[in-house]
Amino acid sequence: MRSMKRQPTHPGIIIKKDYLEPLAISIKDMAGILGVSRKTLSKIINERGAVTPDMALRLSRAFDTTPDLWLNLQKNYDLWQAESVSSEWQNIKPISSKLLHQNA
């Protein structure tokens, strides 16, 4: 498994720095454009919430991007967090391919 050394940027930071600030759009106004509550968008911007598939669709429409962009940003952030916060997952032993094929 390939490990990233640097923490990926949370998609909320990208929304804030690359879109809201340059366009001078407030969180409240952007929430209205997206059709979500200010609280929902604020959680994402402040890294306390995640970009869901529905939000990815909304962001992609508003910013003329793809939903995959937003979902991949979130996935990379989440995987890095999971890998960095706990090492429990490293205790799992791989299942041999012989066992996998016996059960197929």
PDB file of N, CA and C in Angstrom:
ATOM      1  N   MET A   1       0.845  -1.191   0.000  1.00  0.00           N
ATOM      2  CA  MET A   1       0.000   0.000   0.000  1.00  0.00           C
ATOM      3  C   MET A   1       0.884   1.246   0.000  1.00  0.00           C
ATOM      4  N   ARG A   2       0.575   2.178  -0.864  1.00  0.00           N
ATOM      5  CA  ARG A   2       1.329   3.417  -0.986  1.00  0.00           C
ATOM      6  C   ARG A   2       0.830   4.398   0.063  1.00  0.00           C
ATOM      7  N   SER A   3       1.770   5.013   0.759  1.00  0.00           N
ATOM      8  CA  SER A   3       1.403   5.946   1.815  1.00  0.00           C
ATOM      9  C   SER A   3       1.782   7.369   1.428  1.00  0.00           C
ATOM     10  N   MET A   4       0.845   8.295   1.613  1.00  0.00           N
ATOM     11  CA  MET A   4       1.127   9.705   1.362  1.00  0.00           C
ATOM     12  C   MET A   4       1.819  10.278   2.593  1.00  0.00           C
ATOM     13  N   LYS A   5       2.873  11.026   2.373  1.00  0.00           N
ATOM     14  CA  LYS A   5       3.605  11.646   3.481  1.00  0.00           C
ATOM     15  C   LYS A   5       2.884  12.887   4.001  1.00  0.00           C
ATOM     16  N   ARG A   6       2.356  13.688   3.086  1.00  0.00           N
ATOM     17  CA  ARG A   6       1.699  14.935   3.444  1.00  0.00           C
ATOM     18  C   ARG A   6       0.192  14.729   3.496  1.00  0.00           C
ATOM     19  N   GLN A   7      -0.416  15.319   4.496  1.00  0.00           N
ATOM     20  CA  GLN A   7      -1.874  15.227   4.613  1.00  0.00           C
ATOM     21  C   GLN A   7      -2.536  15.900   3.420  1.00  0.00           C
ATOM     22  N   PRO A   8      -3.458  15.196   2.754  1.00  0.00           N
ATOM     23  CA  PRO A   8      -4.186  15.820   1.644  1.00  0.00           C
ATOM     24  C   PRO A   8      -5.036  16.990   2.156  1.00  0.00           C
ATOM     25  N   THR A   9      -5.268  17.926   1.294  1.00  0.00           N
ATOM     26  CA  THR A   9      -6.085  19.083   1.638  1.00  0.00           C
ATOM     27  C   THR A   9      -7.552  18.675   1.688  1.00  0.00           C
ATOM     28  N   HIS A  10      -8.224  19.084   2.740  1.00  0.00           N
ATOM     29  CA  HIS A  10      -9.657  18.824   2.869  1.00  0.00           C
ATOM     30  C   HIS A  10     -10.385  19.597   1.770  1.00  0.00           C
ATOM     31  N   PRO A  11     -11.413  18.994   1.151  1.00  0.00           N
ATOM     32  CA  PRO A  11     -12.131  19.703   0.080  1.00  0.00           C
ATOM     33  C   PRO A  11     -12.736  21.032   0.525  1.00  0.00           C
ATOM     34  N   GLY A  12     -13.063  21.156   1.804  1.00  0.00           N
ATOM     35  CA  GLY A  12     -13.608  22.426   2.298  1.00  0.00           C
ATOM     36  C   GLY A  12     -12.633  23.577   2.152  1.00  0.00           C
ATOM     37  N   ILE A  13     -11.351  23.297   2.345  1.00  0.00           N
ATOM     38  CA  ILE A  13     -10.325  24.327   2.186  1.00  0.00           C
ATOM     39  C   ILE A  13     -10.245  24.759   0.723  1.00  0.00           C
ATOM     40  N   ILE A  14     -10.367  23.793  -0.175  1.00  0.00           N
ATOM     41  CA  ILE A  14     -10.324  24.104  -1.608  1.00  0.00           C
ATOM     42  C   ILE A  14     -11.533  24.953  -2.002  1.00  0.00           C
ATOM     43  N   ILE A  15     -12.701  24.604  -1.480  1.00  0.00           N
ATOM     44  CA  ILE A  15     -13.900  25.407  -1.755  1.00  0.00           C
ATOM     45  C   ILE A  15     -13.665  26.848  -1.300  1.00  0.00           C
ATOM     46  N   LYS A  16     -13.151  26.985  -0.100  1.00  0.00           N
ATOM     47  CA  LYS A  16     -12.940  28.316   0.475  1.00  0.00           C
ATOM     48  C   LYS A  16     -11.868  29.106  -0.277  1.00  0.00           C
ATOM     49  N   LYS A  17     -10.683  28.521  -0.430  1.00  0.00           N
ATOM     50  CA  LYS A  17      -9.524  29.247  -0.987  1.00  0.00           C
ATOM     51  C   LYS A  17      -9.578  29.419  -2.507  1.00  0.00           C
ATOM     52  N   ASP A  18     -10.102  28.414  -3.204  1.00  0.00           N
ATOM     53  CA  ASP A  18     -10.083  28.461  -4.670  1.00  0.00           C
ATOM     54  C   ASP A  18     -11.370  28.981  -5.297  1.00  0.00           C
ATOM     55  N   TYR A  19     -12.443  29.027  -4.511  1.00  0.00           N
ATOM     56  CA  TYR A  19     -13.719  29.458  -5.081  1.00  0.00           C
ATOM     57  C   TYR A  19     -14.348  30.621  -4.315  1.00  0.00           C
ATOM     58  N   LEU A  20     -14.645  30.426  -3.047  1.00  0.00           N
ATOM     59  CA  LEU A  20     -15.368  31.472  -2.312  1.00  0.00           C
ATOM     60  C   LEU A  20     -14.572  32.767  -2.194  1.00  0.00           C
ATOM     61  N   GLU A  21     -13.326  32.666  -1.746  1.00  0.00           N
ATOM     62  CA  GLU A  21     -12.525  33.886  -1.558  1.00  0.00           C
ATOM     63  C   GLU A  21     -12.272  34.625  -2.873  1.00  0.00           C
ATOM     64  N   PRO A  22     -11.787  33.951  -3.930  1.00  0.00           N
ATOM     65  CA  PRO A  22     -11.557  34.689  -5.181  1.00  0.00           C
ATOM     66  C   PRO A  22     -12.834  35.292  -5.792  1.00  0.00           C
ATOM     67  N   LEU A  23     -13.956  34.604  -5.601  1.00  0.00           N
ATOM     68  CA  LEU A  23     -15.220  35.090  -6.159  1.00  0.00           C
ATOM     69  C   LEU A  23     -15.974  36.018  -5.200  1.00  0.00           C
ATOM     70  N   ALA A  24     -15.421  36.206  -3.997  1.00  0.00           N
ATOM     71  CA  ALA A  24     -16.049  37.052  -2.966  1.00  0.00           C
ATOM     72  C   ALA A  24     -17.486  36.609  -2.677  1.00  0.00           C
ATOM     73  N   ILE A  25     -17.661  35.293  -2.510  1.00  0.00           N
ATOM     74  CA  ILE A  25     -18.976  34.738  -2.189  1.00  0.00           C
ATOM     75  C   ILE A  25     -18.954  34.287  -0.730  1.00  0.00           C
ATOM     76  N   SER A  26     -19.958  34.684   0.038  1.00  0.00           N
ATOM     77  CA  SER A  26     -20.037  34.281   1.442  1.00  0.00           C
ATOM     78  C   SER A  26     -20.525  32.835   1.551  1.00  0.00           C
ATOM     79  N   ILE A  27     -20.287  32.236   2.690  1.00  0.00           N
ATOM     80  CA  ILE A  27     -20.782  30.869   2.929  1.00  0.00           C
ATOM     81  C   ILE A  27     -22.305  30.858   2.821  1.00  0.00           C
ATOM     82  N   LYS A  28     -22.943  31.876   3.378  1.00  0.00           N
ATOM     83  CA  LYS A  28     -24.410  31.957   3.329  1.00  0.00           C
ATOM     84  C   LYS A  28     -24.904  32.013   1.884  1.00  0.00           C
ATOM     85  N   ASP A  29     -24.270  32.866   1.067  1.00  0.00           N
ATOM     86  CA  ASP A  29     -24.690  32.990  -0.331  1.00  0.00           C
ATOM     87  C   ASP A  29     -24.411  31.703  -1.108  1.00  0.00           C
ATOM     88  N   MET A  30     -23.254  31.088  -0.858  1.00  0.00           N
ATOM     89  CA  MET A  30     -22.918  29.847  -1.557  1.00  0.00           C
ATOM     90  C   MET A  30     -23.871  28.732  -1.156  1.00  0.00           C
ATOM     91  N   ALA A  31     -24.232  28.685   0.119  1.00  0.00           N
ATOM     92  CA  ALA A  31     -25.197  27.681   0.572  1.00  0.00           C
ATOM     93  C   ALA A  31     -26.513  27.847  -0.169  1.00  0.00           C
ATOM     94  N   GLY A  32     -26.937  29.096  -0.372  1.00  0.00           N
ATOM     95  CA  GLY A  32     -28.160  29.358  -1.127  1.00  0.00           C
ATOM     96  C   GLY A  32     -28.048  28.888  -2.570  1.00  0.00           C
ATOM     97  N   ILE A  33     -26.893  29.128  -3.181  1.00  0.00           N
ATOM     98  CA  ILE A  33     -26.668  28.692  -4.558  1.00  0.00           C
ATOM     99  C   ILE A  33     -26.737  27.166  -4.650  1.00  0.00           C
ATOM    100  N   LEU A  34     -26.150  26.504  -3.640  1.00  0.00           N
ATOM    101  CA  LEU A  34     -26.109  25.038  -3.635  1.00  0.00           C
ATOM    102  C   LEU A  34     -27.416  24.404  -3.178  1.00  0.00           C
ATOM    103  N   GLY A  35     -28.284  25.199  -2.559  1.00  0.00           N
ATOM    104  CA  GLY A  35     -29.548  24.659  -2.052  1.00  0.00           C
ATOM    105  C   GLY A  35     -29.374  23.835  -0.791  1.00  0.00           C
ATOM    106  N   VAL A  36     -28.392  24.226   0.039  1.00  0.00           N
ATOM    107  CA  VAL A  36     -28.160  23.551   1.322  1.00  0.00           C
ATOM    108  C   VAL A  36     -28.149  24.602   2.427  1.00  0.00           C
ATOM    109  N   SER A  37     -28.175  24.150   3.659  1.00  0.00           N
ATOM    110  CA  SER A  37     -28.138  25.105   4.764  1.00  0.00           C
ATOM    111  C   SER A  37     -26.730  25.679   4.927  1.00  0.00           C
ATOM    112  N   ARG A  38     -26.675  26.867   5.511  1.00  0.00           N
ATOM    113  CA  ARG A  38     -25.386  27.491   5.799  1.00  0.00           C
ATOM    114  C   ARG A  38     -24.579  26.593   6.716  1.00  0.00           C
ATOM    115  N   LYS A  39     -25.253  25.962   7.663  1.00  0.00           N
ATOM    116  CA  LYS A  39     -24.585  25.077   8.623  1.00  0.00           C
ATOM    117  C   LYS A  39     -23.920  23.891   7.914  1.00  0.00           C
ATOM    118  N   THR A  40     -24.611  23.303   6.950  1.00  0.00           N
ATOM    119  CA  THR A  40     -24.068  22.166   6.196  1.00  0.00           C
ATOM    120  C   THR A  40     -22.792  22.567   5.470  1.00  0.00           C
ATOM    121  N   LEU A  41     -22.837  23.685   4.752  1.00  0.00           N
ATOM    122  CA  LEU A  41     -21.660  24.132   4.012  1.00  0.00           C
ATOM    123  C   LEU A  41     -20.553  24.573   4.959  1.00  0.00           C
ATOM    124  N   SER A  42     -20.910  25.232   6.038  1.00  0.00           N
ATOM    125  CA  SER A  42     -19.920  25.687   7.011  1.00  0.00           C
ATOM    126  C   SER A  42     -19.148  24.514   7.611  1.00  0.00           C
ATOM    127  N   LYS A  43     -19.838  23.419   7.891  1.00  0.00           N
ATOM    128  CA  LYS A  43     -19.164  22.227   8.424  1.00  0.00           C
ATOM    129  C   LYS A  43     -18.097  21.724   7.446  1.00  0.00           C
ATOM    130  N   ILE A  44     -18.429  21.702   6.171  1.00  0.00           N
ATOM    131  CA  ILE A  44     -17.462  21.238   5.169  1.00  0.00           C
ATOM    132  C   ILE A  44     -16.287  22.212   5.083  1.00  0.00           C
ATOM    133  N   ILE A  45     -16.591  23.493   4.996  1.00  0.00           N
ATOM    134  CA  ILE A  45     -15.544  24.518   4.866  1.00  0.00           C
ATOM    135  C   ILE A  45     -14.599  24.487   6.075  1.00  0.00           C
ATOM    136  N   ASN A  46     -15.143  24.214   7.249  1.00  0.00           N
ATOM    137  CA  ASN A  46     -14.338  24.202   8.476  1.00  0.00           C
ATOM    138  C   ASN A  46     -13.810  22.807   8.827  1.00  0.00           C
ATOM    139  N   GLU A  47     -13.840  21.903   7.859  1.00  0.00           N
ATOM    140  CA  GLU A  47     -13.272  20.559   7.985  1.00  0.00           C
ATOM    141  C   GLU A  47     -13.937  19.721   9.074  1.00  0.00           C
ATOM    142  N   ARG A  48     -15.197  20.001   9.369  1.00  0.00           N
ATOM    143  CA  ARG A  48     -15.945  19.201  10.344  1.00  0.00           C
ATOM    144  C   ARG A  48     -17.017  18.358   9.670  1.00  0.00           C
ATOM    145  N   GLY A  49     -17.105  18.466   8.359  1.00  0.00           N
ATOM    146  CA  GLY A  49     -18.071  17.697   7.584  1.00  0.00           C
ATOM    147  C   GLY A  49     -17.417  17.196   6.315  1.00  0.00           C
ATOM    148  N   ALA A  50     -18.049  16.220   5.699  1.00  0.00           N
ATOM    149  CA  ALA A  50     -17.499  15.602   4.495  1.00  0.00           C
ATOM    150  C   ALA A  50     -18.350  15.931   3.274  1.00  0.00           C
ATOM    151  N   VAL A  51     -17.697  15.900   2.121  1.00  0.00           N
ATOM    152  CA  VAL A  51     -18.412  16.052   0.857  1.00  0.00           C
ATOM    153  C   VAL A  51     -19.077  14.716   0.530  1.00  0.00           C
ATOM    154  N   THR A  52     -20.383  14.712   0.482  1.00  0.00           N
ATOM    155  CA  THR A  52     -21.166  13.523   0.152  1.00  0.00           C
ATOM    156  C   THR A  52     -21.359  13.457  -1.367  1.00  0.00           C
ATOM    157  N   PRO A  53     -21.819  12.326  -1.887  1.00  0.00           N
ATOM    158  CA  PRO A  53     -22.112  12.284  -3.329  1.00  0.00           C
ATOM    159  C   PRO A  53     -23.088  13.375  -3.768  1.00  0.00           C
ATOM    160  N   ASP A  54     -24.119  13.638  -2.968  1.00  0.00           N
ATOM    161  CA  ASP A  54     -25.073  14.692  -3.314  1.00  0.00           C
ATOM    162  C   ASP A  54     -24.386  16.053  -3.361  1.00  0.00           C
ATOM    163  N   MET A  55     -23.547  16.333  -2.370  1.00  0.00           N
ATOM    164  CA  MET A  55     -22.838  17.611  -2.345  1.00  0.00           C
ATOM    165  C   MET A  55     -21.848  17.688  -3.506  1.00  0.00           C
ATOM    166  N   ALA A  56     -21.222  16.579  -3.845  1.00  0.00           N
ATOM    167  CA  ALA A  56     -20.289  16.562  -4.979  1.00  0.00           C
ATOM    168  C   ALA A  56     -21.019  16.942  -6.272  1.00  0.00           C
ATOM    169  N   LEU A  57     -22.230  16.444  -6.432  1.00  0.00           N
ATOM    170  CA  LEU A  57     -23.029  16.809  -7.612  1.00  0.00           C
ATOM    171  C   LEU A  57     -23.350  18.306  -7.616  1.00  0.00           C
ATOM    172  N   ARG A  58     -23.716  18.832  -6.471  1.00  0.00           N
ATOM    173  CA  ARG A  58     -24.042  20.255  -6.359  1.00  0.00           C
ATOM    174  C   ARG A  58     -22.821  21.132  -6.647  1.00  0.00           C
ATOM    175  N   LEU A  59     -21.684  20.760  -6.048  1.00  0.00           N
ATOM    176  CA  LEU A  59     -20.449  21.527  -6.254  1.00  0.00           C
ATOM    177  C   LEU A  59     -19.997  21.466  -7.714  1.00  0.00           C
ATOM    178  N   SER A  60     -20.119  20.284  -8.298  1.00  0.00           N
ATOM    179  CA  SER A  60     -19.682  20.139  -9.689  1.00  0.00           C
ATOM    180  C   SER A  60     -20.530  21.002 -10.622  1.00  0.00           C
ATOM    181  N   ARG A  61     -21.804  21.109 -10.334  1.00  0.00           N
ATOM    182  CA  ARG A  61     -22.690  21.940 -11.157  1.00  0.00           C
ATOM    183  C   ARG A  61     -22.357  23.416 -10.952  1.00  0.00           C
ATOM    184  N   ALA A  62     -22.175  23.811  -9.703  1.00  0.00           N
ATOM    185  CA  ALA A  62     -21.919  25.225  -9.393  1.00  0.00           C
ATOM    186  C   ALA A  62     -20.575  25.700  -9.931  1.00  0.00           C
ATOM    187  N   PHE A  63     -19.549  24.853  -9.822  1.00  0.00           N
ATOM    188  CA  PHE A  63     -18.194  25.277 -10.179  1.00  0.00           C
ATOM    189  C   PHE A  63     -17.711  24.720 -11.519  1.00  0.00           C
ATOM    190  N   ASP A  64     -18.600  24.071 -12.268  1.00  0.00           N
ATOM    191  CA  ASP A  64     -18.258  23.491 -13.569  1.00  0.00           C
ATOM    192  C   ASP A  64     -17.051  22.552 -13.465  1.00  0.00           C
ATOM    193  N   THR A  65     -17.156  21.638 -12.505  1.00  0.00           N
ATOM    194  CA  THR A  65     -16.141  20.601 -12.316  1.00  0.00           C
ATOM    195  C   THR A  65     -16.855  19.262 -12.459  1.00  0.00           C
ATOM    196  N   THR A  66     -16.223  18.202 -11.995  1.00  0.00           N
ATOM    197  CA  THR A  66     -16.877  16.898 -12.006  1.00  0.00           C
ATOM    198  C   THR A  66     -17.159  16.471 -10.572  1.00  0.00           C
ATOM    199  N   PRO A  67     -18.187  15.654 -10.362  1.00  0.00           N
ATOM    200  CA  PRO A  67     -18.427  15.129  -9.018  1.00  0.00           C
ATOM    201  C   PRO A  67     -17.239  14.291  -8.533  1.00  0.00           C
ATOM    202  N   ASP A  68     -16.586  13.606  -9.480  1.00  0.00           N
ATOM    203  CA  ASP A  68     -15.434  12.771  -9.113  1.00  0.00           C
ATOM    204  C   ASP A  68     -14.323  13.586  -8.469  1.00  0.00           C
ATOM    205  N   LEU A  69     -14.125  14.803  -8.927  1.00  0.00           N
ATOM    206  CA  LEU A  69     -13.101  15.661  -8.327  1.00  0.00           C
ATOM    207  C   LEU A  69     -13.343  15.780  -6.824  1.00  0.00           C
ATOM    208  N   TRP A  70     -14.561  16.138  -6.462  1.00  0.00           N
ATOM    209  CA  TRP A  70     -14.895  16.379  -5.056  1.00  0.00           C
ATOM    210  C   TRP A  70     -14.872  15.091  -4.238  1.00  0.00           C
ATOM    211  N   LEU A  71     -15.376  14.014  -4.829  1.00  0.00           N
ATOM    212  CA  LEU A  71     -15.375  12.737  -4.111  1.00  0.00           C
ATOM    213  C   LEU A  71     -13.957  12.198  -3.934  1.00  0.00           C
ATOM    214  N   ASN A  72     -13.104  12.382  -4.934  1.00  0.00           N
ATOM    215  CA  ASN A  72     -11.715  11.933  -4.805  1.00  0.00           C
ATOM    216  C   ASN A  72     -10.949  12.749  -3.774  1.00  0.00           C
ATOM    217  N   LEU A  73     -11.190  14.056  -3.741  1.00  0.00           N
ATOM    218  CA  LEU A  73     -10.561  14.883  -2.706  1.00  0.00           C
ATOM    219  C   LEU A  73     -10.959  14.390  -1.319  1.00  0.00           C
ATOM    220  N   GLN A  74     -12.250  14.106  -1.140  1.00  0.00           N
ATOM    221  CA  GLN A  74     -12.736  13.637   0.157  1.00  0.00           C
ATOM    222  C   GLN A  74     -12.176  12.260   0.485  1.00  0.00           C
ATOM    223  N   LYS A  75     -12.170  11.364  -0.502  1.00  0.00           N
ATOM    224  CA  LYS A  75     -11.653  10.009  -0.295  1.00  0.00           C
ATOM    225  C   LYS A  75     -10.184  10.039   0.116  1.00  0.00           C
ATOM    226  N   ASN A  76      -9.377  10.833  -0.589  1.00  0.00           N
ATOM    227  CA  ASN A  76      -7.954  10.916  -0.256  1.00  0.00           C
ATOM    228  C   ASN A  76      -7.741  11.455   1.147  1.00  0.00           C
ATOM    229  N   TYR A  77      -8.525  12.456   1.522  1.00  0.00           N
ATOM    230  CA  TYR A  77      -8.431  13.027   2.862  1.00  0.00           C
ATOM    231  C   TYR A  77      -8.829  11.985   3.914  1.00  0.00           C
ATOM    232  N   ASP A  78      -9.946  11.312   3.682  1.00  0.00           N
ATOM    233  CA  ASP A  78     -10.445  10.319   4.638  1.00  0.00           C
ATOM    234  C   ASP A  78      -9.483   9.142   4.803  1.00  0.00           C
ATOM    235  N   LEU A  79      -8.934   8.649   3.695  1.00  0.00           N
ATOM    236  CA  LEU A  79      -8.002   7.523   3.773  1.00  0.00           C
ATOM    237  C   LEU A  79      -6.731   7.910   4.526  1.00  0.00           C
ATOM    238  N   TRP A  80      -6.229   9.106   4.276  1.00  0.00           N
ATOM    239  CA  TRP A  80      -5.040   9.564   4.978  1.00  0.00           C
ATOM    240  C   TRP A  80      -5.323   9.663   6.479  1.00  0.00           C
ATOM    241  N   GLN A  81      -6.479  10.206   6.823  1.00  0.00           N
ATOM    242  CA  GLN A  81      -6.867  10.317   8.234  1.00  0.00           C
ATOM    243  C   GLN A  81      -6.944   8.938   8.881  1.00  0.00           C
ATOM    244  N   ALA A  82      -7.607   8.001   8.213  1.00  0.00           N
ATOM    245  CA  ALA A  82      -7.773   6.656   8.770  1.00  0.00           C
ATOM    246  C   ALA A  82      -6.421   5.970   8.949  1.00  0.00           C
ATOM    247  N   GLU A  83      -5.549   6.134   7.979  1.00  0.00           N
ATOM    248  CA  GLU A  83      -4.225   5.506   8.049  1.00  0.00           C
ATOM    249  C   GLU A  83      -3.370   6.137   9.141  1.00  0.00           C
ATOM    250  N   SER A  84      -3.515   7.429   9.331  1.00  0.00           N
ATOM    251  CA  SER A  84      -2.667   8.159  10.273  1.00  0.00           C
ATOM    252  C   SER A  84      -3.157   8.100  11.718  1.00  0.00           C
ATOM    253  N   VAL A  85      -4.453   8.053  11.906  1.00  0.00           N
ATOM    254  CA  VAL A  85      -5.023   8.121  13.253  1.00  0.00           C
ATOM    255  C   VAL A  85      -4.893   6.797  13.993  1.00  0.00           C
ATOM    256  N   SER A  86      -5.018   5.689  13.283  1.00  0.00           N
ATOM    257  CA  SER A  86      -4.980   4.375  13.932  1.00  0.00           C
ATOM    258  C   SER A  86      -4.100   3.429  13.134  1.00  0.00           C
ATOM    259  N   SER A  87      -3.450   2.527  13.852  1.00  0.00           N
ATOM    260  CA  SER A  87      -2.653   1.510  13.167  1.00  0.00           C
ATOM    261  C   SER A  87      -3.311   0.133  13.307  1.00  0.00           C
ATOM    262  N   GLU A  88      -4.513   0.099  13.873  1.00  0.00           N
ATOM    263  CA  GLU A  88      -5.244  -1.162  14.057  1.00  0.00           C
ATOM    264  C   GLU A  88      -5.361  -1.956  12.766  1.00  0.00           C
ATOM    265  N   TRP A  89      -5.612  -1.254  11.681  1.00  0.00           N
ATOM    266  CA  TRP A  89      -5.815  -1.908  10.393  1.00  0.00           C
ATOM    267  C   TRP A  89      -4.576  -2.690   9.961  1.00  0.00           C
ATOM    268  N   GLN A  90      -3.396  -2.326  10.477  1.00  0.00           N
ATOM    269  CA  GLN A  90      -2.161  -3.021  10.108  1.00  0.00           C
ATOM    270  C   GLN A  90      -2.066  -4.408  10.755  1.00  0.00           C
ATOM    271  N   ASN A  91      -2.909  -4.675  11.738  1.00  0.00           N
ATOM    272  CA  ASN A  91      -2.911  -5.982  12.402  1.00  0.00           C
ATOM    273  C   ASN A  91      -3.662  -7.040  11.603  1.00  0.00           C
ATOM    274  N   ILE A  92      -4.367  -6.626  10.562  1.00  0.00           N
ATOM    275  CA  ILE A  92      -5.128  -7.566   9.740  1.00  0.00           C
ATOM    276  C   ILE A  92      -4.159  -8.355   8.868  1.00  0.00           C
ATOM    277  N   LYS A  93      -4.329  -9.671   8.874  1.00  0.00           N
ATOM    278  CA  LYS A  93      -3.485 -10.542   8.057  1.00  0.00           C
ATOM    279  C   LYS A  93      -4.151 -10.756   6.700  1.00  0.00           C
ATOM    280  N   PRO A  94      -3.362 -10.660   5.625  1.00  0.00           N
ATOM    281  CA  PRO A  94      -3.938 -10.896   4.293  1.00  0.00           C
ATOM    282  C   PRO A  94      -4.462 -12.325   4.160  1.00  0.00           C
ATOM    283  N   ILE A  95      -5.559 -12.475   3.452  1.00  0.00           N
ATOM    284  CA  ILE A  95      -6.120 -13.794   3.175  1.00  0.00           C
ATOM    285  C   ILE A  95      -5.401 -14.331   1.947  1.00  0.00           C
ATOM    286  N   SER A  96      -4.950 -15.558   2.030  1.00  0.00           N
ATOM    287  CA  SER A  96      -4.212 -16.118   0.895  1.00  0.00           C
ATOM    288  C   SER A  96      -5.140 -16.290  -0.304  1.00  0.00           C
ATOM    289  N   SER A  97      -4.580 -16.160  -1.486  1.00  0.00           N
ATOM    290  CA  SER A  97      -5.383 -16.294  -2.696  1.00  0.00           C
ATOM    291  C   SER A  97      -5.930 -17.707  -2.836  1.00  0.00           C
ATOM    292  N   LYS A  98      -5.232 -18.687  -2.264  1.00  0.00           N
ATOM    293  CA  LYS A  98      -5.708 -20.092  -2.309  1.00  0.00           C
ATOM    294  C   LYS A  98      -7.037 -20.195  -1.559  1.00  0.00           C
ATOM    295  N   LEU A  99      -7.127 -19.579  -0.393  1.00  0.00           N
ATOM    296  CA  LEU A  99      -8.372 -19.611   0.387  1.00  0.00           C
ATOM    297  C   LEU A  99      -9.499 -18.885  -0.344  1.00  0.00           C
ATOM    298  N   LEU A 100      -9.181 -17.778  -0.960  1.00  0.00           N
ATOM    299  CA  LEU A 100     -10.199 -17.009  -1.680  1.00  0.00           C
ATOM    300  C   LEU A 100     -10.792 -17.826  -2.831  1.00  0.00           C
ATOM    301  N   HIS A 101      -9.945 -18.562  -3.548  1.00  0.00           N
ATOM    302  CA  HIS A 101     -10.418 -19.338  -4.693  1.00  0.00           C
ATOM    303  C   HIS A 101     -11.176 -20.589  -4.263  1.00  0.00           C
ATOM    304  N   GLN A 102     -10.897 -21.127  -3.081  1.00  0.00           N
ATOM    305  CA  GLN A 102     -11.620 -22.295  -2.580  1.00  0.00           C
ATOM    306  C   GLN A 102     -13.086 -21.945  -2.302  1.00  0.00           C
ATOM    307  N   ASN A 103     -13.312 -20.716  -1.848  1.00  0.00           N
ATOM    308  CA  ASN A 103     -14.660 -20.298  -1.487  1.00  0.00           C
ATOM    309  C   ASN A 103     -15.454 -19.758  -2.663  1.00  0.00           C
ATOM    310  N   ALA A 104     -14.848 -19.662  -3.805  1.00  0.00           N
ATOM    311  CA  ALA A 104     -15.542 -19.085  -4.967  1.00  0.00           C
ATOM    312  C   ALA A 104     -16.392 -20.107  -5.683  1.00  0.00           C
TER     313      ALA A 104
END
